[in-house]
């Protein structure tokens, strides 16, 4: 098929190893389909996979045995598995927010909070920004430390069209972490995006920004 599509010459094909032949599936324009349809035949599938993996600094290899099956091996550098989060606290518990979802962090005085119907928030950048305490969003009691604060950080998450301010007791730090797979029981909780283990061995739950925005009614 590769020779039919002029992706490799007869002479080169004769010298190719089994591994090199298998890797022809990554060649742009390569396809074994007999006809072009809406979903196949153009040879634009596996070359995109290879390009994306290389862009992430990784590699892909194949182990294929006729009649037995095929294995694909993906290798990525450690940096590809890292995510940046911002660690915040409600005064008692640490939680993580994905940095990519954070628009900005501002300081808000409790006296700035306004109530508009069912919503509480502040005037921010020529608009009304809903603000909810992180423990309220999660259905927890407000820690005494947070209840006594006259001013507190508000982490603004979302997009220009849908934003919400998450009030926390303190923003602790930015950090790169390895995200861990959640236990099935925790995976069913929409507000959780994942979990990680901090340097001191303590687990840290990372929250899902989209769910927080939905909870806030933004």
N, C-alpha and C. Protein backbone atom coordinates (compact mmCIF):
# COMPACT_ATOMS: atom_id res chain seq x y z
N UNK A 1 0.82 -1.21 0.00
CA UNK A 1 0.00 0.00 0.00
C UNK A 1 0.86 1.27 0.00
N UNK A 2 1.95 1.21 0.74
CA UNK A 2 2.83 2.37 0.78
C UNK A 2 3.48 2.59 -0.58
N UNK A 3 3.82 1.51 -1.27
CA UNK A 3 4.42 1.64 -2.60
C UNK A 3 3.38 2.13 -3.61
N UNK A 4 2.15 1.65 -3.48
CA UNK A 4 1.08 2.11 -4.37
C UNK A 4 0.89 3.62 -4.28
N UNK A 5 1.05 4.15 -3.06
CA UNK A 5 0.84 5.58 -2.83
C UNK A 5 2.14 6.38 -2.97
N UNK A 6 3.19 5.72 -3.46
CA UNK A 6 4.49 6.38 -3.69
C UNK A 6 5.08 6.98 -2.42
N UNK A 7 4.82 6.30 -1.29
CA UNK A 7 5.40 6.76 -0.03
C UNK A 7 6.76 6.13 0.21
N UNK A 8 7.05 5.06 -0.49
CA UNK A 8 8.34 4.39 -0.37
C UNK A 8 8.64 3.72 -1.71
N UNK A 9 9.92 3.72 -2.10
CA UNK A 9 10.29 3.10 -3.38
C UNK A 9 10.44 1.59 -3.23
N UNK A 10 10.43 0.89 -4.36
CA UNK A 10 10.62 -0.56 -4.34
C UNK A 10 11.95 -0.92 -3.69
N UNK A 11 12.99 -0.16 -4.03
CA UNK A 11 14.32 -0.46 -3.50
C UNK A 11 14.37 -0.26 -1.98
N UNK A 12 13.79 0.84 -1.51
CA UNK A 12 13.78 1.09 -0.06
C UNK A 12 12.94 0.05 0.67
N UNK A 13 11.81 -0.32 0.08
CA UNK A 13 10.93 -1.31 0.71
C UNK A 13 11.64 -2.64 0.90
N UNK A 14 12.49 -3.02 -0.06
CA UNK A 14 13.19 -4.30 0.02
C UNK A 14 14.19 -4.32 1.17
N UNK A 15 14.68 -3.14 1.57
CA UNK A 15 15.68 -3.08 2.64
C UNK A 15 15.07 -2.81 4.01
N UNK A 16 13.76 -2.59 4.09
CA UNK A 16 13.13 -2.20 5.35
C UNK A 16 12.99 -3.37 6.31
N UNK A 17 13.22 -3.08 7.59
CA UNK A 17 13.01 -4.09 8.63
C UNK A 17 11.52 -4.19 8.94
N UNK A 18 11.16 -5.22 9.70
CA UNK A 18 9.76 -5.39 10.10
C UNK A 18 9.25 -4.16 10.87
N UNK A 19 10.09 -3.65 11.76
CA UNK A 19 9.70 -2.47 12.56
C UNK A 19 9.46 -1.26 11.66
N UNK A 20 10.35 -1.07 10.69
CA UNK A 20 10.20 0.08 9.78
C UNK A 20 8.94 -0.05 8.93
N UNK A 21 8.61 -1.27 8.55
CA UNK A 21 7.39 -1.49 7.76
C UNK A 21 6.15 -1.15 8.60
N UNK A 22 6.17 -1.60 9.85
CA UNK A 22 5.03 -1.32 10.73
C UNK A 22 4.84 0.18 10.95
N UNK A 23 5.94 0.91 11.02
CA UNK A 23 5.86 2.35 11.28
C UNK A 23 5.39 3.14 10.06
N UNK A 24 5.22 2.47 8.94
CA UNK A 24 4.67 3.17 7.76
C UNK A 24 3.25 3.68 8.01
N UNK A 25 2.55 3.10 9.00
CA UNK A 25 1.19 3.57 9.26
C UNK A 25 1.18 5.03 9.74
N UNK A 26 2.35 5.53 10.20
CA UNK A 26 2.43 6.92 10.65
C UNK A 26 2.75 7.88 9.51
N UNK A 27 3.01 7.36 8.32
CA UNK A 27 3.38 8.22 7.19
C UNK A 27 2.17 9.04 6.73
N UNK A 28 2.33 10.36 6.55
CA UNK A 28 1.22 11.17 6.04
C UNK A 28 0.74 10.65 4.70
N UNK A 29 -0.55 10.42 4.55
CA UNK A 29 -1.11 9.93 3.30
C UNK A 29 -1.24 8.43 3.22
N UNK A 30 -0.72 7.72 4.24
CA UNK A 30 -0.81 6.26 4.19
C UNK A 30 -2.18 5.79 4.67
N UNK A 31 -2.79 4.87 3.90
CA UNK A 31 -4.06 4.26 4.29
C UNK A 31 -4.19 2.92 3.57
N UNK A 32 -4.81 1.97 4.26
CA UNK A 32 -5.07 0.67 3.62
C UNK A 32 -6.48 0.59 3.06
N UNK A 33 -7.25 1.67 3.22
CA UNK A 33 -8.62 1.67 2.71
C UNK A 33 -8.62 1.63 1.19
N UNK A 34 -9.55 0.85 0.62
CA UNK A 34 -9.62 0.73 -0.84
C UNK A 34 -10.30 1.93 -1.48
N UNK A 35 -11.10 2.66 -0.70
CA UNK A 35 -11.80 3.83 -1.23
C UNK A 35 -11.87 4.90 -0.15
N UNK A 36 -11.92 6.16 -0.59
CA UNK A 36 -12.02 7.28 0.34
C UNK A 36 -13.48 7.51 0.73
N UNK A 37 -13.73 7.55 2.03
CA UNK A 37 -15.08 7.83 2.54
C UNK A 37 -15.02 9.08 3.41
N UNK A 38 -16.15 9.38 4.07
CA UNK A 38 -16.18 10.54 4.96
C UNK A 38 -15.28 10.36 6.17
N UNK A 39 -15.04 9.12 6.56
CA UNK A 39 -14.30 8.87 7.80
C UNK A 39 -12.95 8.19 7.60
N UNK A 40 -12.63 7.69 6.42
CA UNK A 40 -11.36 6.99 6.25
C UNK A 40 -10.87 7.06 4.82
N UNK A 41 -9.60 6.69 4.65
CA UNK A 41 -9.04 6.60 3.31
C UNK A 41 -8.11 7.73 2.93
N UNK A 42 -8.08 8.79 3.76
CA UNK A 42 -7.25 9.94 3.39
C UNK A 42 -5.84 9.88 3.97
N UNK A 43 -5.63 8.99 4.91
CA UNK A 43 -4.29 8.88 5.50
C UNK A 43 -3.92 10.06 6.37
N UNK A 44 -4.90 10.59 7.12
CA UNK A 44 -4.62 11.74 7.98
C UNK A 44 -4.87 11.40 9.45
N UNK A 45 -4.82 10.11 9.79
CA UNK A 45 -5.10 9.71 11.17
C UNK A 45 -3.86 9.53 12.01
N UNK A 46 -3.10 8.49 11.70
CA UNK A 46 -1.98 8.14 12.57
C UNK A 46 -0.82 9.14 12.48
N UNK A 47 -0.69 9.84 11.35
CA UNK A 47 0.37 10.85 11.30
C UNK A 47 0.07 11.99 12.25
N UNK A 48 -1.24 12.31 12.48
CA UNK A 48 -1.62 13.33 13.45
C UNK A 48 -1.28 12.87 14.86
N UNK A 49 -1.51 11.56 15.12
CA UNK A 49 -1.16 10.99 16.42
C UNK A 49 0.34 11.16 16.67
N UNK A 50 1.15 10.79 15.70
CA UNK A 50 2.60 10.88 15.86
C UNK A 50 3.05 12.33 16.06
N UNK A 51 2.50 13.24 15.28
CA UNK A 51 2.87 14.65 15.39
C UNK A 51 2.53 15.19 16.77
N UNK A 52 1.34 14.84 17.27
CA UNK A 52 0.91 15.32 18.60
C UNK A 52 1.80 14.77 19.70
N UNK A 53 2.12 13.48 19.61
CA UNK A 53 2.97 12.87 20.63
C UNK A 53 4.36 13.50 20.62
N UNK A 54 4.91 13.74 19.43
CA UNK A 54 6.24 14.36 19.35
C UNK A 54 6.22 15.78 19.88
N UNK A 55 5.10 16.49 19.65
CA UNK A 55 4.98 17.86 20.16
C UNK A 55 5.03 17.89 21.69
N UNK A 56 4.55 16.83 22.31
CA UNK A 56 4.59 16.72 23.76
C UNK A 56 5.92 16.18 24.27
N UNK A 57 6.83 15.91 23.33
CA UNK A 57 8.14 15.39 23.71
C UNK A 57 8.17 13.90 23.92
N UNK A 58 7.15 13.19 23.42
CA UNK A 58 7.07 11.75 23.64
C UNK A 58 7.40 10.95 22.40
N UNK A 59 7.18 9.65 22.49
CA UNK A 59 7.44 8.75 21.37
C UNK A 59 6.41 7.63 21.38
N UNK A 60 6.25 6.96 20.23
CA UNK A 60 5.32 5.85 20.11
C UNK A 60 6.00 4.72 19.37
N UNK A 61 5.78 3.50 19.81
CA UNK A 61 6.36 2.34 19.14
C UNK A 61 5.30 1.25 19.01
N UNK A 62 5.55 0.30 18.12
CA UNK A 62 4.57 -0.74 17.80
C UNK A 62 5.21 -2.11 17.94
N UNK A 63 4.43 -3.05 18.48
CA UNK A 63 4.83 -4.45 18.51
C UNK A 63 3.64 -5.24 17.97
N UNK A 64 3.75 -5.75 16.74
CA UNK A 64 2.62 -6.39 16.09
C UNK A 64 3.01 -7.79 15.60
N UNK A 65 2.17 -8.75 15.95
CA UNK A 65 2.37 -10.13 15.50
C UNK A 65 1.11 -10.58 14.79
N UNK A 66 1.26 -11.00 13.55
CA UNK A 66 0.09 -11.39 12.75
C UNK A 66 -0.67 -12.54 13.42
N UNK A 67 -1.97 -12.36 13.54
CA UNK A 67 -2.81 -13.39 14.14
C UNK A 67 -2.87 -13.34 15.64
N UNK A 68 -2.01 -12.54 16.27
CA UNK A 68 -1.99 -12.46 17.74
C UNK A 68 -2.46 -11.10 18.25
N UNK A 69 -2.06 -10.05 17.57
CA UNK A 69 -2.48 -8.72 18.01
C UNK A 69 -1.37 -7.69 17.91
N UNK A 70 -1.71 -6.49 18.30
CA UNK A 70 -0.79 -5.35 18.20
C UNK A 70 -0.77 -4.57 19.52
N UNK A 71 0.41 -4.17 19.93
CA UNK A 71 0.56 -3.31 21.10
C UNK A 71 1.20 -1.99 20.68
N UNK A 72 0.66 -0.89 21.20
CA UNK A 72 1.25 0.42 20.99
C UNK A 72 1.85 0.88 22.31
N UNK A 73 3.10 1.32 22.27
CA UNK A 73 3.79 1.79 23.46
C UNK A 73 3.96 3.31 23.38
N UNK A 74 3.39 4.01 24.34
CA UNK A 74 3.50 5.47 24.40
C UNK A 74 4.45 5.84 25.53
N UNK A 75 5.40 6.70 25.23
CA UNK A 75 6.34 7.18 26.25
C UNK A 75 6.31 8.71 26.26
N UNK A 76 6.20 9.27 27.46
CA UNK A 76 6.17 10.72 27.60
C UNK A 76 7.15 11.15 28.68
N UNK A 77 7.71 12.35 28.55
CA UNK A 77 8.57 12.86 29.63
C UNK A 77 7.72 13.17 30.85
N UNK A 78 8.39 13.25 32.00
CA UNK A 78 7.69 13.52 33.25
C UNK A 78 6.88 14.81 33.15
N UNK A 79 7.40 15.83 32.46
CA UNK A 79 6.72 17.12 32.39
C UNK A 79 5.34 17.02 31.77
N UNK A 80 5.12 16.03 30.90
CA UNK A 80 3.82 15.90 30.25
C UNK A 80 2.75 15.44 31.22
N UNK A 81 3.17 14.79 32.31
CA UNK A 81 2.21 14.30 33.30
C UNK A 81 1.96 15.31 34.42
N UNK A 82 2.69 16.41 34.41
CA UNK A 82 2.56 17.42 35.46
C UNK A 82 1.46 18.42 35.12
N UNK A 83 0.77 18.86 36.14
CA UNK A 83 -0.22 19.92 35.99
C UNK A 83 0.05 21.00 37.02
N UNK A 84 -0.22 22.24 36.62
CA UNK A 84 -0.06 23.36 37.55
C UNK A 84 -1.38 23.59 38.29
N UNK A 85 -1.30 23.67 39.60
CA UNK A 85 -2.47 23.99 40.39
C UNK A 85 -2.15 25.14 41.34
N UNK A 86 -3.19 25.74 41.88
CA UNK A 86 -3.05 26.73 42.94
C UNK A 86 -3.68 26.11 44.18
N UNK A 87 -2.90 26.03 45.25
CA UNK A 87 -3.38 25.45 46.50
C UNK A 87 -4.02 26.55 47.34
N UNK A 88 -5.28 26.33 47.73
CA UNK A 88 -6.01 27.28 48.56
C UNK A 88 -6.50 26.56 49.82
N UNK A 89 -6.97 27.32 50.80
CA UNK A 89 -7.50 26.73 52.01
C UNK A 89 -8.74 27.47 52.45
N UNK A 90 -9.67 26.73 53.06
CA UNK A 90 -10.86 27.38 53.63
C UNK A 90 -10.62 27.72 55.10
N UNK A 91 -9.40 27.53 55.55
CA UNK A 91 -9.04 27.78 56.94
C UNK A 91 -8.75 26.51 57.69
N UNK A 92 -9.27 25.38 57.18
CA UNK A 92 -9.02 24.09 57.82
C UNK A 92 -8.47 23.06 56.85
N UNK A 93 -8.96 23.10 55.59
CA UNK A 93 -8.59 22.08 54.61
C UNK A 93 -7.95 22.72 53.39
N UNK A 94 -6.91 22.07 52.87
CA UNK A 94 -6.29 22.51 51.62
C UNK A 94 -7.00 21.86 50.44
N UNK A 95 -7.14 22.63 49.36
CA UNK A 95 -7.75 22.15 48.12
C UNK A 95 -6.98 22.71 46.95
N UNK A 96 -7.11 22.08 45.79
CA UNK A 96 -6.41 22.55 44.60
C UNK A 96 -7.38 23.04 43.55
N UNK A 97 -6.97 24.09 42.83
CA UNK A 97 -7.70 24.60 41.67
C UNK A 97 -6.76 24.59 40.47
N UNK A 98 -7.17 24.03 39.32
CA UNK A 98 -6.29 24.03 38.15
C UNK A 98 -5.93 25.46 37.73
N UNK A 99 -4.65 25.71 37.56
CA UNK A 99 -4.21 27.07 37.25
C UNK A 99 -4.77 27.57 35.92
N UNK A 100 -4.97 26.66 34.96
CA UNK A 100 -5.43 27.07 33.64
C UNK A 100 -6.82 27.71 33.68
N UNK A 101 -7.58 27.42 34.74
CA UNK A 101 -8.95 27.95 34.83
C UNK A 101 -9.01 29.27 35.59
N UNK A 102 -7.89 29.71 36.15
CA UNK A 102 -7.89 30.90 36.99
C UNK A 102 -7.64 32.15 36.14
N UNK A 103 -8.56 33.10 36.25
CA UNK A 103 -8.45 34.36 35.51
C UNK A 103 -7.57 35.34 36.29
N UNK A 104 -7.87 35.51 37.56
CA UNK A 104 -7.07 36.38 38.42
C UNK A 104 -7.45 36.13 39.87
N UNK A 105 -6.64 36.67 40.79
CA UNK A 105 -6.92 36.59 42.21
C UNK A 105 -6.98 38.01 42.76
N UNK A 106 -8.06 38.33 43.48
CA UNK A 106 -8.22 39.68 44.02
C UNK A 106 -8.49 39.60 45.52
N UNK A 107 -8.29 40.71 46.20
CA UNK A 107 -8.61 40.81 47.62
C UNK A 107 -9.93 41.56 47.76
N UNK A 108 -10.85 41.00 48.54
CA UNK A 108 -12.18 41.58 48.67
C UNK A 108 -12.49 41.79 50.16
N UNK A 109 -12.98 42.97 50.50
CA UNK A 109 -13.44 43.24 51.86
C UNK A 109 -14.86 42.70 52.01
N UNK A 110 -15.18 42.16 53.17
CA UNK A 110 -16.52 41.61 53.38
C UNK A 110 -17.59 42.66 53.13
N UNK A 111 -17.26 43.93 53.40
CA UNK A 111 -18.23 45.02 53.21
C UNK A 111 -18.54 45.27 51.74
N UNK A 112 -17.71 44.75 50.83
CA UNK A 112 -17.95 44.93 49.39
C UNK A 112 -19.02 43.98 48.85
N UNK A 113 -19.29 42.92 49.57
CA UNK A 113 -20.22 41.91 49.09
C UNK A 113 -21.64 42.48 49.03
N UNK A 114 -22.27 42.35 47.88
CA UNK A 114 -23.65 42.80 47.68
C UNK A 114 -24.54 41.60 47.42
N UNK A 115 -25.80 41.73 47.79
CA UNK A 115 -26.76 40.68 47.51
C UNK A 115 -27.75 41.16 46.46
N UNK A 116 -27.84 40.42 45.36
CA UNK A 116 -28.76 40.73 44.27
C UNK A 116 -29.66 39.51 44.08
N UNK A 117 -30.88 39.58 44.59
CA UNK A 117 -31.77 38.42 44.54
C UNK A 117 -31.18 37.29 45.35
N UNK A 118 -31.03 36.14 44.70
CA UNK A 118 -30.48 34.96 45.39
C UNK A 118 -28.96 34.95 45.37
N UNK A 119 -28.36 35.89 44.66
CA UNK A 119 -26.91 35.85 44.47
C UNK A 119 -26.20 36.88 45.32
N UNK A 120 -24.99 36.52 45.74
CA UNK A 120 -24.09 37.45 46.41
C UNK A 120 -22.88 37.63 45.53
N UNK A 121 -22.36 38.86 45.51
CA UNK A 121 -21.21 39.10 44.66
C UNK A 121 -20.68 40.51 44.83
N UNK A 122 -19.84 40.91 43.89
CA UNK A 122 -19.23 42.24 43.93
C UNK A 122 -19.29 42.86 42.54
N UNK A 123 -19.17 44.15 42.49
CA UNK A 123 -18.98 44.84 41.22
C UNK A 123 -17.52 44.73 40.84
N UNK A 124 -17.28 44.18 39.66
CA UNK A 124 -15.90 43.95 39.24
C UNK A 124 -15.80 44.14 37.73
N UNK A 125 -14.93 45.05 37.33
CA UNK A 125 -14.68 45.33 35.90
C UNK A 125 -16.00 45.57 35.14
N UNK A 126 -16.76 46.53 35.61
CA UNK A 126 -17.99 46.96 34.94
C UNK A 126 -19.06 45.88 34.88
N UNK A 127 -19.03 44.94 35.79
CA UNK A 127 -20.04 43.90 35.81
C UNK A 127 -20.21 43.32 37.20
N UNK A 128 -21.22 42.48 37.35
CA UNK A 128 -21.47 41.84 38.64
C UNK A 128 -20.84 40.46 38.63
N UNK A 129 -19.98 40.20 39.60
CA UNK A 129 -19.28 38.92 39.70
C UNK A 129 -19.85 38.13 40.88
N UNK A 130 -20.51 36.98 40.61
CA UNK A 130 -20.97 36.15 41.72
C UNK A 130 -19.80 35.66 42.55
N UNK A 131 -19.94 35.73 43.86
CA UNK A 131 -18.89 35.27 44.76
C UNK A 131 -19.51 34.29 45.76
N UNK A 132 -18.89 33.11 45.85
CA UNK A 132 -19.35 32.10 46.80
C UNK A 132 -18.16 31.58 47.59
N UNK A 133 -18.36 31.35 48.85
CA UNK A 133 -17.30 30.76 49.69
C UNK A 133 -17.08 29.32 49.27
N UNK A 134 -15.85 28.90 49.23
CA UNK A 134 -15.54 27.55 48.74
C UNK A 134 -16.19 26.47 49.61
N UNK A 135 -16.27 26.73 50.93
CA UNK A 135 -16.89 25.72 51.80
C UNK A 135 -18.40 25.66 51.57
N UNK A 136 -19.02 26.79 51.20
CA UNK A 136 -20.45 26.79 50.90
C UNK A 136 -20.72 25.98 49.64
N UNK A 137 -19.87 26.15 48.64
CA UNK A 137 -20.02 25.40 47.40
C UNK A 137 -19.95 23.89 47.63
N UNK A 138 -19.12 23.50 48.59
CA UNK A 138 -18.91 22.08 48.85
C UNK A 138 -19.83 21.53 49.94
N UNK A 139 -20.69 22.39 50.49
CA UNK A 139 -21.63 21.94 51.51
C UNK A 139 -21.01 21.71 52.86
N UNK A 140 -19.90 22.42 53.15
CA UNK A 140 -19.23 22.28 54.44
C UNK A 140 -19.59 23.45 55.35
N UNK A 141 -19.39 23.28 56.65
CA UNK A 141 -19.56 24.38 57.58
C UNK A 141 -18.40 25.36 57.42
N UNK A 142 -18.70 26.64 57.65
CA UNK A 142 -17.67 27.66 57.52
C UNK A 142 -16.72 27.59 58.71
N UNK A 143 -15.42 27.39 58.47
CA UNK A 143 -14.46 27.37 59.57
C UNK A 143 -14.45 28.71 60.30
N UNK A 144 -14.17 28.67 61.58
CA UNK A 144 -14.16 29.89 62.40
C UNK A 144 -13.18 30.92 61.87
N UNK A 145 -12.03 30.44 61.39
CA UNK A 145 -11.01 31.36 60.85
C UNK A 145 -11.58 32.18 59.71
N UNK A 146 -12.28 31.49 58.76
CA UNK A 146 -12.84 32.18 57.60
C UNK A 146 -13.99 33.08 58.00
N UNK A 147 -14.80 32.66 58.96
CA UNK A 147 -15.97 33.45 59.38
C UNK A 147 -15.56 34.78 59.99
N UNK A 148 -14.38 34.83 60.60
CA UNK A 148 -13.94 36.05 61.28
C UNK A 148 -13.12 36.98 60.40
N UNK A 149 -12.87 36.59 59.16
CA UNK A 149 -12.07 37.43 58.28
C UNK A 149 -12.87 38.63 57.79
N UNK A 150 -12.26 39.80 57.84
CA UNK A 150 -12.92 41.00 57.31
C UNK A 150 -12.57 41.21 55.84
N UNK A 151 -11.53 40.58 55.39
CA UNK A 151 -11.14 40.61 53.97
C UNK A 151 -10.55 39.26 53.62
N UNK A 152 -10.71 38.87 52.36
CA UNK A 152 -10.28 37.53 51.98
C UNK A 152 -9.96 37.50 50.49
N UNK A 153 -9.12 36.55 50.08
CA UNK A 153 -8.83 36.41 48.64
C UNK A 153 -10.02 35.80 47.92
N UNK A 154 -10.25 36.26 46.69
CA UNK A 154 -11.26 35.69 45.82
C UNK A 154 -10.56 35.23 44.55
N UNK A 155 -10.64 33.93 44.28
CA UNK A 155 -10.03 33.36 43.08
C UNK A 155 -11.09 33.35 41.98
N UNK A 156 -10.87 34.14 40.93
CA UNK A 156 -11.84 34.22 39.83
C UNK A 156 -11.51 33.13 38.82
N UNK A 157 -12.49 32.25 38.57
CA UNK A 157 -12.30 31.15 37.63
C UNK A 157 -13.31 31.24 36.51
N UNK A 158 -12.99 30.62 35.37
CA UNK A 158 -13.95 30.54 34.27
C UNK A 158 -13.46 31.19 33.00
N UNK A 159 -14.40 31.72 32.22
CA UNK A 159 -14.14 32.35 30.93
C UNK A 159 -14.70 33.76 30.96
N UNK A 160 -14.42 34.58 29.93
CA UNK A 160 -14.99 35.92 29.91
C UNK A 160 -16.52 35.92 29.96
N UNK A 161 -17.15 34.85 29.45
CA UNK A 161 -18.61 34.77 29.43
C UNK A 161 -19.19 34.23 30.73
N UNK A 162 -18.49 33.32 31.39
CA UNK A 162 -18.99 32.69 32.61
C UNK A 162 -17.88 32.69 33.65
N UNK A 163 -18.05 33.54 34.65
CA UNK A 163 -17.04 33.63 35.69
C UNK A 163 -17.70 33.58 37.06
N UNK A 164 -16.93 33.11 38.02
CA UNK A 164 -17.38 33.13 39.41
C UNK A 164 -16.17 33.37 40.29
N UNK A 165 -16.41 34.06 41.39
CA UNK A 165 -15.36 34.29 42.36
C UNK A 165 -15.47 33.28 43.49
N UNK A 166 -14.39 32.56 43.73
CA UNK A 166 -14.36 31.56 44.80
C UNK A 166 -13.63 32.18 45.99
N UNK A 167 -14.37 32.44 47.05
CA UNK A 167 -13.78 33.05 48.24
C UNK A 167 -13.09 31.99 49.08
N UNK A 168 -11.85 32.25 49.45
CA UNK A 168 -11.07 31.31 50.26
C UNK A 168 -10.45 32.07 51.43
N UNK A 169 -10.00 31.31 52.43
CA UNK A 169 -9.35 31.95 53.57
C UNK A 169 -7.95 32.43 53.20
N UNK A 170 -7.29 31.65 52.34
CA UNK A 170 -5.92 32.03 51.93
C UNK A 170 -5.53 31.29 50.67
N UNK A 171 -4.79 31.98 49.82
CA UNK A 171 -4.14 31.34 48.68
C UNK A 171 -2.72 31.01 49.12
N UNK A 172 -2.39 29.74 49.11
CA UNK A 172 -1.13 29.31 49.71
C UNK A 172 0.04 29.33 48.74
N UNK A 173 -0.13 28.71 47.55
CA UNK A 173 1.00 28.64 46.63
C UNK A 173 0.57 28.04 45.29
N UNK A 174 1.41 28.26 44.29
CA UNK A 174 1.29 27.56 43.01
C UNK A 174 2.22 26.36 43.06
N UNK A 175 1.81 25.29 42.37
CA UNK A 175 2.63 24.08 42.44
C UNK A 175 2.37 23.19 41.24
N UNK A 176 3.42 22.50 40.79
CA UNK A 176 3.28 21.48 39.77
C UNK A 176 3.11 20.15 40.47
N UNK A 177 2.10 19.38 40.05
CA UNK A 177 1.81 18.12 40.72
C UNK A 177 1.53 17.03 39.71
N UNK A 178 1.67 15.77 40.16
CA UNK A 178 1.23 14.62 39.39
C UNK A 178 -0.22 14.34 39.78
N UNK A 179 -1.10 14.29 38.81
CA UNK A 179 -2.49 13.96 39.09
C UNK A 179 -2.64 12.44 39.19
N UNK A 180 -3.35 12.00 40.21
CA UNK A 180 -3.57 10.58 40.44
C UNK A 180 -4.98 10.19 40.02
N UNK A 181 -5.14 8.93 39.63
CA UNK A 181 -6.47 8.43 39.28
C UNK A 181 -7.30 8.31 40.55
N UNK A 182 -8.55 8.77 40.48
CA UNK A 182 -9.42 8.74 41.63
C UNK A 182 -10.01 7.36 41.85
N UNK A 183 -10.28 7.03 43.11
CA UNK A 183 -11.02 5.83 43.44
C UNK A 183 -12.41 5.94 42.80
N UNK A 184 -12.99 4.84 42.29
CA UNK A 184 -14.32 4.91 41.64
C UNK A 184 -15.37 5.63 42.46
N UNK A 185 -15.32 5.47 43.80
CA UNK A 185 -16.31 6.14 44.65
C UNK A 185 -16.15 7.66 44.59
N UNK A 186 -14.91 8.13 44.48
CA UNK A 186 -14.66 9.57 44.38
C UNK A 186 -14.85 10.07 42.96
N UNK A 187 -14.59 9.19 41.99
CA UNK A 187 -14.71 9.58 40.59
C UNK A 187 -16.15 9.96 40.23
N UNK A 188 -17.10 9.47 41.01
CA UNK A 188 -18.50 9.78 40.76
C UNK A 188 -18.90 11.16 41.27
N UNK A 189 -18.02 11.80 42.03
CA UNK A 189 -18.31 13.14 42.57
C UNK A 189 -17.89 14.18 41.53
N UNK A 190 -18.89 14.87 40.95
CA UNK A 190 -18.63 15.77 39.83
C UNK A 190 -17.66 16.89 40.16
N UNK A 191 -17.68 17.37 41.39
CA UNK A 191 -16.88 18.54 41.73
C UNK A 191 -15.39 18.22 41.83
N UNK A 192 -15.03 16.93 41.78
CA UNK A 192 -13.63 16.54 41.87
C UNK A 192 -13.05 16.30 40.48
N UNK A 193 -11.94 16.99 40.19
CA UNK A 193 -11.26 16.79 38.91
C UNK A 193 -10.15 15.76 39.04
N UNK A 194 -9.68 15.54 40.24
CA UNK A 194 -8.60 14.59 40.45
C UNK A 194 -8.01 14.76 41.83
N UNK A 195 -6.90 14.11 42.06
CA UNK A 195 -6.23 14.18 43.35
C UNK A 195 -4.74 14.05 43.14
N UNK A 196 -3.99 14.49 44.12
CA UNK A 196 -2.54 14.37 44.06
C UNK A 196 -2.04 14.14 45.47
N UNK A 197 -0.77 13.79 45.58
CA UNK A 197 -0.14 13.60 46.88
C UNK A 197 0.95 14.65 47.03
N UNK A 198 0.86 15.43 48.09
CA UNK A 198 1.81 16.50 48.30
C UNK A 198 3.14 15.95 48.82
N UNK A 199 4.14 16.82 48.87
CA UNK A 199 5.48 16.40 49.25
C UNK A 199 5.55 15.75 50.62
N UNK A 200 4.69 16.22 51.55
CA UNK A 200 4.70 15.65 52.89
C UNK A 200 3.85 14.39 53.01
N UNK A 201 3.34 13.91 51.85
CA UNK A 201 2.57 12.68 51.84
C UNK A 201 1.09 12.83 52.05
N UNK A 202 0.62 14.07 52.20
CA UNK A 202 -0.80 14.30 52.41
C UNK A 202 -1.54 14.35 51.07
N UNK A 203 -2.72 13.70 50.96
CA UNK A 203 -3.50 13.78 49.72
C UNK A 203 -4.14 15.15 49.58
N UNK A 204 -4.30 15.59 48.35
CA UNK A 204 -4.93 16.88 48.07
C UNK A 204 -5.95 16.69 46.96
N UNK A 205 -7.19 17.07 47.21
CA UNK A 205 -8.23 16.98 46.20
C UNK A 205 -8.18 18.22 45.30
N UNK A 206 -8.30 18.01 44.00
CA UNK A 206 -8.30 19.09 43.01
C UNK A 206 -9.72 19.22 42.48
N UNK A 207 -10.27 20.44 42.52
CA UNK A 207 -11.67 20.67 42.18
C UNK A 207 -11.85 20.96 40.69
N UNK A 208 -13.04 20.63 40.20
CA UNK A 208 -13.37 20.86 38.79
C UNK A 208 -14.00 22.24 38.63
N UNK A 209 -13.37 23.15 37.88
CA UNK A 209 -13.88 24.52 37.75
C UNK A 209 -15.27 24.61 37.15
N UNK A 210 -15.56 23.80 36.12
CA UNK A 210 -16.87 23.86 35.47
C UNK A 210 -17.99 23.54 36.45
N UNK A 211 -17.76 22.55 37.30
CA UNK A 211 -18.78 22.19 38.29
C UNK A 211 -18.96 23.30 39.31
N UNK A 212 -17.87 23.94 39.72
CA UNK A 212 -17.97 25.05 40.67
C UNK A 212 -18.78 26.20 40.07
N UNK A 213 -18.56 26.47 38.80
CA UNK A 213 -19.32 27.54 38.12
C UNK A 213 -20.79 27.19 38.08
N UNK A 214 -21.09 25.93 37.80
CA UNK A 214 -22.49 25.50 37.77
C UNK A 214 -23.14 25.59 39.15
N UNK A 215 -22.39 25.22 40.19
CA UNK A 215 -22.92 25.31 41.56
C UNK A 215 -23.25 26.75 41.92
N UNK A 216 -22.37 27.66 41.47
CA UNK A 216 -22.56 29.08 41.78
C UNK A 216 -23.68 29.71 40.98
N UNK A 217 -24.16 29.00 39.95
CA UNK A 217 -25.23 29.52 39.12
C UNK A 217 -24.78 30.60 38.17
N UNK A 218 -23.48 30.61 37.84
CA UNK A 218 -22.96 31.65 36.94
C UNK A 218 -23.30 31.32 35.49
